[in-house]
Amino acid sequence: RTVSGVIAGLGFWTPDTLPEKLPQGSALSPRLFDIAFYPI
């Protein structure tokens, strides 16, 4: 749980008051998108 939360936290961010999202430009975003899309 701890490691999963740390990795996901370093990949997501909150611009101002918008909901959390994967930022375009982050090195983690493409890989995290693939991981989340695997069941689909």
PDB file of all heavy atoms in Angstrom:
ATOM      1  N   ARG A   1       0.823  -1.207   0.000  1.00  0.00           N
ATOM      2  CA  ARG A   1       0.000   0.000   0.000  1.00  0.00           C
ATOM      3  C   ARG A   1       0.863   1.264   0.000  1.00  0.00           C
ATOM      4  O   ARG A   1       0.599   2.221  -0.722  1.00  0.00           O
ATOM      5  CB  ARG A   1      -0.892   0.011   1.246  1.00  0.00           C
ATOM      6  CG  ARG A   1      -1.975  -1.045   1.259  1.00  0.00           C
ATOM      7  CD  ARG A   1      -2.722  -1.023   2.578  1.00  0.00           C
ATOM      8  NE  ARG A   1      -3.784  -2.021   2.599  1.00  0.00           N
ATOM      9  CZ  ARG A   1      -5.039  -1.794   2.211  1.00  0.00           C
ATOM     10  NH1 ARG A   1      -5.372  -0.596   1.770  1.00  0.00           N
ATOM     11  NH2 ARG A   1      -5.944  -2.739   2.257  1.00  0.00           N
ATOM     12  N   THR A   2       1.917   1.233   0.819  1.00  0.00           N
ATOM     13  CA  THR A   2       2.760   2.422   0.945  1.00  0.00           C
ATOM     14  C   THR A   2       3.465   2.749  -0.363  1.00  0.00           C
ATOM     15  O   THR A   2       3.431   3.887  -0.847  1.00  0.00           O
ATOM     16  CB  THR A   2       3.802   2.215   2.051  1.00  0.00           C
ATOM     17  OG1 THR A   2       3.131   1.909   3.278  1.00  0.00           O
ATOM     18  CG2 THR A   2       4.651   3.453   2.234  1.00  0.00           C
ATOM     19  N   VAL A   3       4.121   1.747  -0.943  1.00  0.00           N
ATOM     20  CA  VAL A   3       4.863   1.970  -2.185  1.00  0.00           C
ATOM     21  C   VAL A   3       3.917   2.365  -3.313  1.00  0.00           C
ATOM     22  O   VAL A   3       4.218   3.260  -4.113  1.00  0.00           O
ATOM     23  CB  VAL A   3       5.675   0.713  -2.554  1.00  0.00           C
ATOM     24  CG1 VAL A   3       6.308   0.862  -3.929  1.00  0.00           C
ATOM     25  CG2 VAL A   3       6.749   0.460  -1.511  1.00  0.00           C
ATOM     26  N   SER A   4       2.755   1.722  -3.398  1.00  0.00           N
ATOM     27  CA  SER A   4       1.778   2.066  -4.437  1.00  0.00           C
ATOM     28  C   SER A   4       1.321   3.511  -4.293  1.00  0.00           C
ATOM     29  O   SER A   4       1.196   4.239  -5.280  1.00  0.00           O
ATOM     30  CB  SER A   4       0.574   1.129  -4.360  1.00  0.00           C
ATOM     31  OG  SER A   4       0.959  -0.213  -4.520  1.00  0.00           O
ATOM     32  N   GLY A   5       1.096   3.941  -3.042  1.00  0.00           N
ATOM     33  CA  GLY A   5       0.675   5.318  -2.818  1.00  0.00           C
ATOM     34  C   GLY A   5       1.754   6.333  -3.153  1.00  0.00           C
ATOM     35  O   GLY A   5       1.470   7.400  -3.704  1.00  0.00           O
ATOM     36  N   VAL A   6       3.016   6.004  -2.848  1.00  0.00           N
ATOM     37  CA  VAL A   6       4.124   6.919  -3.143  1.00  0.00           C
ATOM     38  C   VAL A   6       4.306   7.077  -4.647  1.00  0.00           C
ATOM     39  O   VAL A   6       4.437   8.194  -5.167  1.00  0.00           O
ATOM     40  CB  VAL A   6       5.427   6.421  -2.487  1.00  0.00           C
ATOM     41  CG1 VAL A   6       6.619   7.209  -3.009  1.00  0.00           C
ATOM     42  CG2 VAL A   6       5.343   6.547  -0.974  1.00  0.00           C
ATOM     43  N   ILE A   7       4.308   5.950  -5.389  1.00  0.00           N
ATOM     44  CA  ILE A   7       4.507   6.013  -6.842  1.00  0.00           C
ATOM     45  C   ILE A   7       3.361   6.767  -7.505  1.00  0.00           C
ATOM     46  O   ILE A   7       3.573   7.627  -8.373  1.00  0.00           O
ATOM     47  CB  ILE A   7       4.642   4.600  -7.423  1.00  0.00           C
ATOM     48  CG1 ILE A   7       5.906   3.918  -6.882  1.00  0.00           C
ATOM     49  CG2 ILE A   7       4.687   4.646  -8.944  1.00  0.00           C
ATOM     50  CD1 ILE A   7       6.060   2.479  -7.311  1.00  0.00           C
ATOM     51  N   ALA A   8       2.133   6.443  -7.107  1.00  0.00           N
ATOM     52  CA  ALA A   8       0.983   7.136  -7.688  1.00  0.00           C
ATOM     53  C   ALA A   8       0.997   8.619  -7.317  1.00  0.00           C
ATOM     54  O   ALA A   8       0.669   9.481  -8.146  1.00  0.00           O
ATOM     55  CB  ALA A   8      -0.312   6.484  -7.217  1.00  0.00           C
ATOM     56  N   GLY A   9       1.403   8.942  -6.079  1.00  0.00           N
ATOM     57  CA  GLY A   9       1.452  10.340  -5.658  1.00  0.00           C
ATOM     58  C   GLY A   9       2.473  11.151  -6.422  1.00  0.00           C
ATOM     59  O   GLY A   9       2.236  12.314  -6.762  1.00  0.00           O
ATOM     60  N   LEU A  10       3.630  10.532  -6.727  1.00  0.00           N
ATOM     61  CA  LEU A  10       4.656  11.235  -7.498  1.00  0.00           C
ATOM     62  C   LEU A  10       4.262  11.388  -8.963  1.00  0.00           C
ATOM     63  O   LEU A  10       4.835  12.208  -9.676  1.00  0.00           O
ATOM     64  CB  LEU A  10       5.987  10.487  -7.399  1.00  0.00           C
ATOM     65  CG  LEU A  10       6.671  10.522  -6.033  1.00  0.00           C
ATOM     66  CD1 LEU A  10       7.885   9.603  -6.018  1.00  0.00           C
ATOM     67  CD2 LEU A  10       7.080  11.939  -5.665  1.00  0.00           C
ATOM     68  N   GLY A  11       3.307  10.577  -9.429  1.00  0.00           N
ATOM     69  CA  GLY A  11       2.859  10.660 -10.822  1.00  0.00           C
ATOM     70  C   GLY A  11       1.719  11.625 -11.023  1.00  0.00           C
ATOM     71  O   GLY A  11       1.586  12.213 -12.091  1.00  0.00           O
ATOM     72  N   PHE A  12       0.867  11.809 -10.014  1.00  0.00           N
ATOM     73  CA  PHE A  12      -0.277  12.704 -10.127  1.00  0.00           C
ATOM     74  C   PHE A  12       0.062  14.073  -9.540  1.00  0.00           C
ATOM     75  O   PHE A  12       0.972  14.208  -8.737  1.00  0.00           O
ATOM     76  CB  PHE A  12      -1.481  12.125  -9.376  1.00  0.00           C
ATOM     77  CG  PHE A  12      -2.200  11.054 -10.141  1.00  0.00           C
ATOM     78  CD1 PHE A  12      -1.697   9.760 -10.163  1.00  0.00           C
ATOM     79  CD2 PHE A  12      -3.368  11.321 -10.830  1.00  0.00           C
ATOM     80  CE1 PHE A  12      -2.352   8.759 -10.862  1.00  0.00           C
ATOM     81  CE2 PHE A  12      -4.022  10.323 -11.523  1.00  0.00           C
ATOM     82  CZ  PHE A  12      -3.520   9.044 -11.546  1.00  0.00           C
ATOM     83  N   TRP A  13      -0.711  15.049  -9.938  1.00  0.00           N
ATOM     84  CA  TRP A  13      -0.552  16.377  -9.351  1.00  0.00           C
ATOM     85  C   TRP A  13      -1.866  17.122  -9.466  1.00  0.00           C
ATOM     86  O   TRP A  13      -2.770  16.738 -10.204  1.00  0.00           O
ATOM     87  CB  TRP A  13       0.574  17.147 -10.009  1.00  0.00           C
ATOM     88  CG  TRP A  13       0.242  17.761 -11.327  1.00  0.00           C
ATOM     89  CD1 TRP A  13      -0.134  17.102 -12.466  1.00  0.00           C
ATOM     90  CD2 TRP A  13       0.244  19.143 -11.669  1.00  0.00           C
ATOM     91  NE1 TRP A  13      -0.337  17.977 -13.487  1.00  0.00           N
ATOM     92  CE2 TRP A  13      -0.110  19.241 -13.026  1.00  0.00           C
ATOM     93  CE3 TRP A  13       0.534  20.303 -10.953  1.00  0.00           C
ATOM     94  CZ2 TRP A  13      -0.207  20.454 -13.686  1.00  0.00           C
ATOM     95  CZ3 TRP A  13       0.454  21.513 -11.614  1.00  0.00           C
ATOM     96  CH2 TRP A  13       0.078  21.582 -12.961  1.00  0.00           C
ATOM     97  N   THR A  14      -1.994  18.225  -8.720  1.00  0.00           N
ATOM     98  CA  THR A  14      -3.226  18.996  -8.664  1.00  0.00           C
ATOM     99  C   THR A  14      -2.953  20.425  -9.082  1.00  0.00           C
ATOM    100  O   THR A  14      -2.369  21.189  -8.313  1.00  0.00           O
ATOM    101  CB  THR A  14      -3.814  18.970  -7.245  1.00  0.00           C
ATOM    102  OG1 THR A  14      -3.975  17.624  -6.845  1.00  0.00           O
ATOM    103  CG2 THR A  14      -5.152  19.668  -7.211  1.00  0.00           C
ATOM    104  N   PRO A  15      -3.336  20.825 -10.284  1.00  0.00           N
ATOM    105  CA  PRO A  15      -3.173  22.222 -10.679  1.00  0.00           C
ATOM    106  C   PRO A  15      -4.273  23.091 -10.072  1.00  0.00           C
ATOM    107  O   PRO A  15      -5.446  22.936 -10.409  1.00  0.00           O
ATOM    108  CB  PRO A  15      -3.276  22.163 -12.205  1.00  0.00           C
ATOM    109  CG  PRO A  15      -4.106  20.953 -12.471  1.00  0.00           C
ATOM    110  CD  PRO A  15      -3.899  19.999 -11.341  1.00  0.00           C
ATOM    111  N   ASP A  16      -3.899  23.976  -9.166  1.00  0.00           N
ATOM    112  CA  ASP A  16      -4.852  24.860  -8.490  1.00  0.00           C
ATOM    113  C   ASP A  16      -5.930  24.031  -7.785  1.00  0.00           C
ATOM    114  O   ASP A  16      -5.651  23.284  -6.887  1.00  0.00           O
ATOM    115  CB  ASP A  16      -5.449  25.847  -9.493  1.00  0.00           C
ATOM    116  CG  ASP A  16      -4.360  26.707 -10.131  1.00  0.00           C
ATOM    117  OD1 ASP A  16      -3.355  26.974  -9.439  1.00  0.00           O
ATOM    118  OD2 ASP A  16      -4.512  27.089 -11.292  1.00  0.00           O
ATOM    119  N   THR A  17      -7.182  24.168  -8.220  1.00  0.00           N
ATOM    120  CA  THR A  17      -8.274  23.461  -7.546  1.00  0.00           C
ATOM    121  C   THR A  17      -8.895  22.388  -8.433  1.00  0.00           C
ATOM    122  O   THR A  17      -9.985  21.905  -8.156  1.00  0.00           O
ATOM    123  CB  THR A  17      -9.374  24.462  -7.133  1.00  0.00           C
ATOM    124  OG1 THR A  17      -9.848  25.146  -8.299  1.00  0.00           O
ATOM    125  CG2 THR A  17      -8.836  25.462  -6.130  1.00  0.00           C
ATOM    126  N   LEU A  18      -8.211  22.015  -9.516  1.00  0.00           N
ATOM    127  CA  LEU A  18      -8.743  20.990 -10.405  1.00  0.00           C
ATOM    128  C   LEU A  18      -8.509  19.601  -9.810  1.00  0.00           C
ATOM    129  O   LEU A  18      -7.648  19.421  -8.954  1.00  0.00           O
ATOM    130  CB  LEU A  18      -8.074  21.082 -11.779  1.00  0.00           C
ATOM    131  CG  LEU A  18      -8.293  22.383 -12.547  1.00  0.00           C
ATOM    132  CD1 LEU A  18      -7.520  22.346 -13.851  1.00  0.00           C
ATOM    133  CD2 LEU A  18      -9.765  22.595 -12.830  1.00  0.00           C
ATOM    134  N   PRO A  19      -9.279  18.595 -10.237  1.00  0.00           N
ATOM    135  CA  PRO A  19      -9.047  17.233  -9.741  1.00  0.00           C
ATOM    136  C   PRO A  19      -7.666  16.729 -10.139  1.00  0.00           C
ATOM    137  O   PRO A  19      -7.055  17.217 -11.090  1.00  0.00           O
ATOM    138  CB  PRO A  19     -10.153  16.416 -10.432  1.00  0.00           C
ATOM    139  CG  PRO A  19     -11.164  17.416 -10.874  1.00  0.00           C
ATOM    140  CD  PRO A  19     -10.424  18.678 -11.152  1.00  0.00           C
ATOM    141  N   GLU A  20      -7.183  15.750  -9.394  1.00  0.00           N
ATOM    142  CA  GLU A  20      -5.871  15.183  -9.700  1.00  0.00           C
ATOM    143  C   GLU A  20      -5.887  14.536 -11.084  1.00  0.00           C
ATOM    144  O   GLU A  20      -6.869  13.920 -11.487  1.00  0.00           O
ATOM    145  CB  GLU A  20      -5.491  14.143  -8.648  1.00  0.00           C
ATOM    146  CG  GLU A  20      -5.167  14.743  -7.296  1.00  0.00           C
ATOM    147  CD  GLU A  20      -4.748  13.684  -6.306  1.00  0.00           C
ATOM    148  OE1 GLU A  20      -5.145  12.522  -6.485  1.00  0.00           O
ATOM    149  OE2 GLU A  20      -4.031  14.016  -5.353  1.00  0.00           O
ATOM    150  N   LYS A  21      -4.768  14.647 -11.787  1.00  0.00           N
ATOM    151  CA  LYS A  21      -4.677  14.052 -13.110  1.00  0.00           C
ATOM    152  C   LYS A  21      -3.218  13.756 -13.421  1.00  0.00           C
ATOM    153  O   LYS A  21      -2.301  14.263 -12.777  1.00  0.00           O
ATOM    154  CB  LYS A  21      -5.252  14.986 -14.166  1.00  0.00           C
ATOM    155  CG  LYS A  21      -4.474  16.285 -14.343  1.00  0.00           C
ATOM    156  CD  LYS A  21      -5.052  17.104 -15.480  1.00  0.00           C
ATOM    157  CE  LYS A  21      -4.235  18.365 -15.736  1.00  0.00           C
ATOM    158  NZ  LYS A  21      -4.755  19.136 -16.872  1.00  0.00           N
ATOM    159  N   LEU A  22      -3.013  12.914 -14.438  1.00  0.00           N
ATOM    160  CA  LEU A  22      -1.666  12.634 -14.907  1.00  0.00           C
ATOM    161  C   LEU A  22      -1.215  13.788 -15.791  1.00  0.00           C
ATOM    162  O   LEU A  22      -1.875  14.099 -16.787  1.00  0.00           O
ATOM    163  CB  LEU A  22      -1.637  11.326 -15.705  1.00  0.00           C
ATOM    164  CG  LEU A  22      -1.759  10.029 -14.923  1.00  0.00           C
ATOM    165  CD1 LEU A  22      -1.818   8.843 -15.884  1.00  0.00           C
ATOM    166  CD2 LEU A  22      -0.596   9.845 -13.966  1.00  0.00           C
ATOM    167  N   PRO A  23      -0.106  14.450 -15.474  1.00  0.00           N
ATOM    168  CA  PRO A  23       0.332  15.591 -16.285  1.00  0.00           C
ATOM    169  C   PRO A  23       1.065  15.149 -17.544  1.00  0.00           C
ATOM    170  O   PRO A  23       1.842  14.192 -17.522  1.00  0.00           O
ATOM    171  CB  PRO A  23       1.282  16.333 -15.340  1.00  0.00           C
ATOM    172  CG  PRO A  23       1.819  15.283 -14.432  1.00  0.00           C
ATOM    173  CD  PRO A  23       0.737  14.256 -14.279  1.00  0.00           C
ATOM    174  N   GLN A  24       0.793  15.816 -18.636  1.00  0.00           N
ATOM    175  CA  GLN A  24       1.568  15.601 -19.855  1.00  0.00           C
ATOM    176  C   GLN A  24       2.915  16.280 -19.682  1.00  0.00           C
ATOM    177  O   GLN A  24       2.986  17.478 -19.457  1.00  0.00           O
ATOM    178  CB  GLN A  24       0.834  16.173 -21.070  1.00  0.00           C
ATOM    179  CG  GLN A  24      -0.312  15.334 -21.542  1.00  0.00           C
ATOM    180  CD  GLN A  24      -0.785  15.753 -22.921  1.00  0.00           C
ATOM    181  OE1 GLN A  24      -0.489  16.842 -23.388  1.00  0.00           O
ATOM    182  NE2 GLN A  24      -1.527  14.905 -23.577  1.00  0.00           N
ATOM    183  N   GLY A  25       3.982  15.503 -19.813  1.00  0.00           N
ATOM    184  CA  GLY A  25       5.324  16.006 -19.580  1.00  0.00           C
ATOM    185  C   GLY A  25       6.028  15.264 -18.473  1.00  0.00           C
ATOM    186  O   GLY A  25       7.260  15.302 -18.378  1.00  0.00           O
ATOM    187  N   SER A  26       5.272  14.585 -17.622  1.00  0.00           N
ATOM    188  CA  SER A  26       5.868  13.787 -16.551  1.00  0.00           C
ATOM    189  C   SER A  26       6.426  12.489 -17.119  1.00  0.00           C
ATOM    190  O   SER A  26       5.854  11.892 -18.043  1.00  0.00           O
ATOM    191  CB  SER A  26       4.832  13.490 -15.478  1.00  0.00           C
ATOM    192  OG  SER A  26       5.307  12.511 -14.580  1.00  0.00           O
ATOM    193  N   ALA A  27       7.539  12.018 -16.549  1.00  0.00           N
ATOM    194  CA  ALA A  27       8.148  10.769 -17.012  1.00  0.00           C
ATOM    195  C   ALA A  27       7.333   9.551 -16.596  1.00  0.00           C
ATOM    196  O   ALA A  27       7.469   8.485 -17.191  1.00  0.00           O
ATOM    197  CB  ALA A  27       9.576  10.652 -16.474  1.00  0.00           C
ATOM    198  N   LEU A  28       6.480   9.696 -15.581  1.00  0.00           N
ATOM    199  CA  LEU A  28       5.689   8.567 -15.087  1.00  0.00           C
ATOM    200  C   LEU A  28       4.350   8.416 -15.800  1.00  0.00           C
ATOM    201  O   LEU A  28       3.775   7.330 -15.796  1.00  0.00           O
ATOM    202  CB  LEU A  28       5.432   8.716 -13.581  1.00  0.00           C
ATOM    203  CG  LEU A  28       6.595   8.431 -12.638  1.00  0.00           C
ATOM    204  CD1 LEU A  28       6.170   8.709 -11.198  1.00  0.00           C
ATOM    205  CD2 LEU A  28       7.062   6.991 -12.763  1.00  0.00           C
ATOM    206  N   SER A  29       3.840   9.484 -16.390  1.00  0.00           N
ATOM    207  CA  SER A  29       2.482   9.459 -16.937  1.00  0.00           C
ATOM    208  C   SER A  29       2.252   8.375 -17.988  1.00  0.00           C
ATOM    209  O   SER A  29       1.267   7.637 -17.899  1.00  0.00           O
ATOM    210  CB  SER A  29       2.125  10.834 -17.505  1.00  0.00           C
ATOM    211  OG  SER A  29       2.074  11.799 -16.483  1.00  0.00           O
ATOM    212  N   PRO A  30       3.111   8.232 -19.013  1.00  0.00           N
ATOM    213  CA  PRO A  30       2.850   7.185 -20.008  1.00  0.00           C
ATOM    214  C   PRO A  30       2.811   5.783 -19.411  1.00  0.00           C
ATOM    215  O   PRO A  30       1.933   4.986 -19.747  1.00  0.00           O
ATOM    216  CB  PRO A  30       4.026   7.344 -20.993  1.00  0.00           C
ATOM    217  CG  PRO A  30       4.496   8.742 -20.811  1.00  0.00           C
ATOM    218  CD  PRO A  30       4.291   9.040 -19.369  1.00  0.00           C
ATOM    219  N   ARG A  31       3.757   5.494 -18.516  1.00  0.00           N
ATOM    220  CA  ARG A  31       3.808   4.152 -17.932  1.00  0.00           C
ATOM    221  C   ARG A  31       2.615   3.900 -17.016  1.00  0.00           C
ATOM    222  O   ARG A  31       2.039   2.806 -17.031  1.00  0.00           O
ATOM    223  CB  ARG A  31       5.119   3.989 -17.158  1.00  0.00           C
ATOM    224  CG  ARG A  31       5.410   2.550 -16.782  1.00  0.00           C
ATOM    225  CD  ARG A  31       5.790   1.731 -17.999  1.00  0.00           C
ATOM    226  NE  ARG A  31       5.939   0.327 -17.664  1.00  0.00           N
ATOM    227  CZ  ARG A  31       4.967  -0.586 -17.760  1.00  0.00           C
ATOM    228  NH1 ARG A  31       3.772  -0.226 -18.192  1.00  0.00           N
ATOM    229  NH2 ARG A  31       5.182  -1.837 -17.453  1.00  0.00           N
ATOM    230  N   LEU A  32       2.234   4.891 -16.224  1.00  0.00           N
ATOM    231  CA  LEU A  32       1.085   4.726 -15.337  1.00  0.00           C
ATOM    232  C   LEU A  32      -0.213   4.594 -16.131  1.00  0.00           C
ATOM    233  O   LEU A  32      -1.133   3.871 -15.722  1.00  0.00           O
ATOM    234  CB  LEU A  32       0.983   5.904 -14.365  1.00  0.00           C
ATOM    235  CG  LEU A  32       2.103   6.024 -13.329  1.00  0.00           C
ATOM    236  CD1 LEU A  32       1.872   7.221 -12.420  1.00  0.00           C
ATOM    237  CD2 LEU A  32       2.219   4.745 -12.496  1.00  0.00           C
ATOM    238  N   PHE A  33      -0.303   5.273 -17.268  1.00  0.00           N
ATOM    239  CA  PHE A  33      -1.488   5.120 -18.122  1.00  0.00           C
ATOM    240  C   PHE A  33      -1.587   3.686 -18.638  1.00  0.00           C
ATOM    241  O   PHE A  33      -2.670   3.091 -18.631  1.00  0.00           O
ATOM    242  CB  PHE A  33      -1.423   6.102 -19.291  1.00  0.00           C
ATOM    243  CG  PHE A  33      -2.581   5.976 -20.253  1.00  0.00           C
ATOM    244  CD1 PHE A  33      -3.756   6.645 -20.005  1.00  0.00           C
ATOM    245  CD2 PHE A  33      -2.486   5.180 -21.387  1.00  0.00           C
ATOM    246  CE1 PHE A  33      -4.838   6.522 -20.883  1.00  0.00           C
ATOM    247  CE2 PHE A  33      -3.551   5.051 -22.258  1.00  0.00           C
ATOM    248  CZ  PHE A  33      -4.732   5.727 -22.008  1.00  0.00           C
ATOM    249  N   ASP A  34      -0.470   3.120 -19.098  1.00  0.00           N
ATOM    250  CA  ASP A  34      -0.474   1.738 -19.579  1.00  0.00           C
ATOM    251  C   ASP A  34      -0.872   0.766 -18.472  1.00  0.00           C
ATOM    252  O   ASP A  34      -1.604  -0.196 -18.708  1.00  0.00           O
ATOM    253  CB  ASP A  34       0.907   1.367 -20.125  1.00  0.00           C
ATOM    254  CG  ASP A  34       0.969   1.474 -21.637  1.00  0.00           C
ATOM    255  OD1 ASP A  34      -0.055   1.829 -22.242  1.00  0.00           O
ATOM    256  OD2 ASP A  34       2.034   1.205 -22.218  1.00  0.00           O
ATOM    257  N   ILE A  35      -0.364   1.000 -17.271  1.00  0.00           N
ATOM    258  CA  ILE A  35      -0.683   0.123 -16.142  1.00  0.00           C
ATOM    259  C   ILE A  35      -2.173   0.200 -15.807  1.00  0.00           C
ATOM    260  O   ILE A  35      -2.819  -0.827 -15.564  1.00  0.00           O
ATOM    261  CB  ILE A  35       0.176   0.498 -14.924  1.00  0.00           C
ATOM    262  CG1 ILE A  35       1.651   0.161 -15.199  1.00  0.00           C
ATOM    263  CG2 ILE A  35      -0.304  -0.215 -13.668  1.00  0.00           C
ATOM    264  CD1 ILE A  35       2.603   0.665 -14.129  1.00  0.00           C
ATOM    265  N   ALA A  36      -2.736   1.401 -15.801  1.00  0.00           N
ATOM    266  CA  ALA A  36      -4.154   1.559 -15.484  1.00  0.00           C
ATOM    267  C   ALA A  36      -5.047   1.005 -16.587  1.00  0.00           C
ATOM    268  O   ALA A  36      -6.163   0.537 -16.320  1.00  0.00           O
ATOM    269  CB  ALA A  36      -4.474   3.036 -15.244  1.00  0.00           C
ATOM    270  N   PHE A  37      -4.578   1.031 -17.840  1.00  0.00           N
ATOM    271  CA  PHE A  37      -5.390   0.596 -18.981  1.00  0.00           C
ATOM    272  C   PHE A  37      -5.286  -0.912 -19.226  1.00  0.00           C
ATOM    273  O   PHE A  37      -6.001  -1.443 -20.069  1.00  0.00           O
ATOM    274  CB  PHE A  37      -4.959   1.344 -20.251  1.00  0.00           C
ATOM    275  CG  PHE A  37      -6.070   1.548 -21.245  1.00  0.00           C
ATOM    276  CD1 PHE A  37      -6.932   2.625 -21.113  1.00  0.00           C
ATOM    277  CD2 PHE A  37      -6.258   0.679 -22.294  1.00  0.00           C
ATOM    278  CE1 PHE A  37      -7.959   2.822 -22.024  1.00  0.00           C
ATOM    279  CE2 PHE A  37      -7.281   0.867 -23.209  1.00  0.00           C
ATOM    280  CZ  PHE A  37      -8.140   1.944 -23.073  1.00  0.00           C
ATOM    281  N   TYR A  38      -4.422  -1.597 -18.507  1.00  0.00           N
ATOM    282  CA  TYR A  38      -4.205  -3.026 -18.749  1.00  0.00           C
ATOM    283  C   TYR A  38      -5.495  -3.840 -18.659  1.00  0.00           C
ATOM    284  O   TYR A  38      -5.770  -4.666 -19.550  1.00  0.00           O
ATOM    285  CB  TYR A  38      -3.162  -3.569 -17.775  1.00  0.00           C
ATOM    286  CG  TYR A  38      -2.809  -5.018 -17.992  1.00  0.00           C
ATOM    287  CD1 TYR A  38      -1.744  -5.382 -18.814  1.00  0.00           C
ATOM    288  CD2 TYR A  38      -3.532  -6.032 -17.387  1.00  0.00           C
ATOM    289  CE1 TYR A  38      -1.425  -6.706 -19.022  1.00  0.00           C
ATOM    290  CE2 TYR A  38      -3.217  -7.361 -17.587  1.00  0.00           C
ATOM    291  CZ  TYR A  38      -2.163  -7.692 -18.401  1.00  0.00           C
ATOM    292  OH  TYR A  38      -1.855  -9.010 -18.599  1.00  0.00           O
ATOM    293  N   PRO A  39      -6.338  -3.696 -17.622  1.00  0.00           N
ATOM    294  CA  PRO A  39      -7.582  -4.500 -17.581  1.00  0.00           C
ATOM    295  C   PRO A  39      -8.494  -4.249 -18.770  1.00  0.00           C
ATOM    296  O   PRO A  39      -9.181  -5.166 -19.236  1.00  0.00           O
ATOM    297  CB  PRO A  39      -8.237  -4.063 -16.266  1.00  0.00           C
ATOM    298  CG  PRO A  39      -7.135  -3.474 -15.456  1.00  0.00           C
ATOM    299  CD  PRO A  39      -6.201  -2.845 -16.437  1.00  0.00           C
ATOM    300  N   ILE A  40      -8.513  -3.007 -19.279  1.00  0.00           N
ATOM    301  CA  ILE A  40      -9.353  -2.694 -20.435  1.00  0.00           C
ATOM    302  C   ILE A  40      -8.787  -3.356 -21.687  1.00  0.00           C
ATOM    303  O   ILE A  40      -9.541  -3.862 -22.528  1.00  0.00           O
ATOM    304  CB  ILE A  40      -9.454  -1.171 -20.612  1.00  0.00           C
ATOM    305  CG1 ILE A  40      -9.948  -0.533 -19.316  1.00  0.00           C
ATOM    306  CG2 ILE A  40     -10.379  -0.813 -21.767  1.00  0.00           C
ATOM    307  CD1 ILE A  40      -9.889   0.962 -19.291  1.00  0.00           C
TER     308      ILE A  40
END
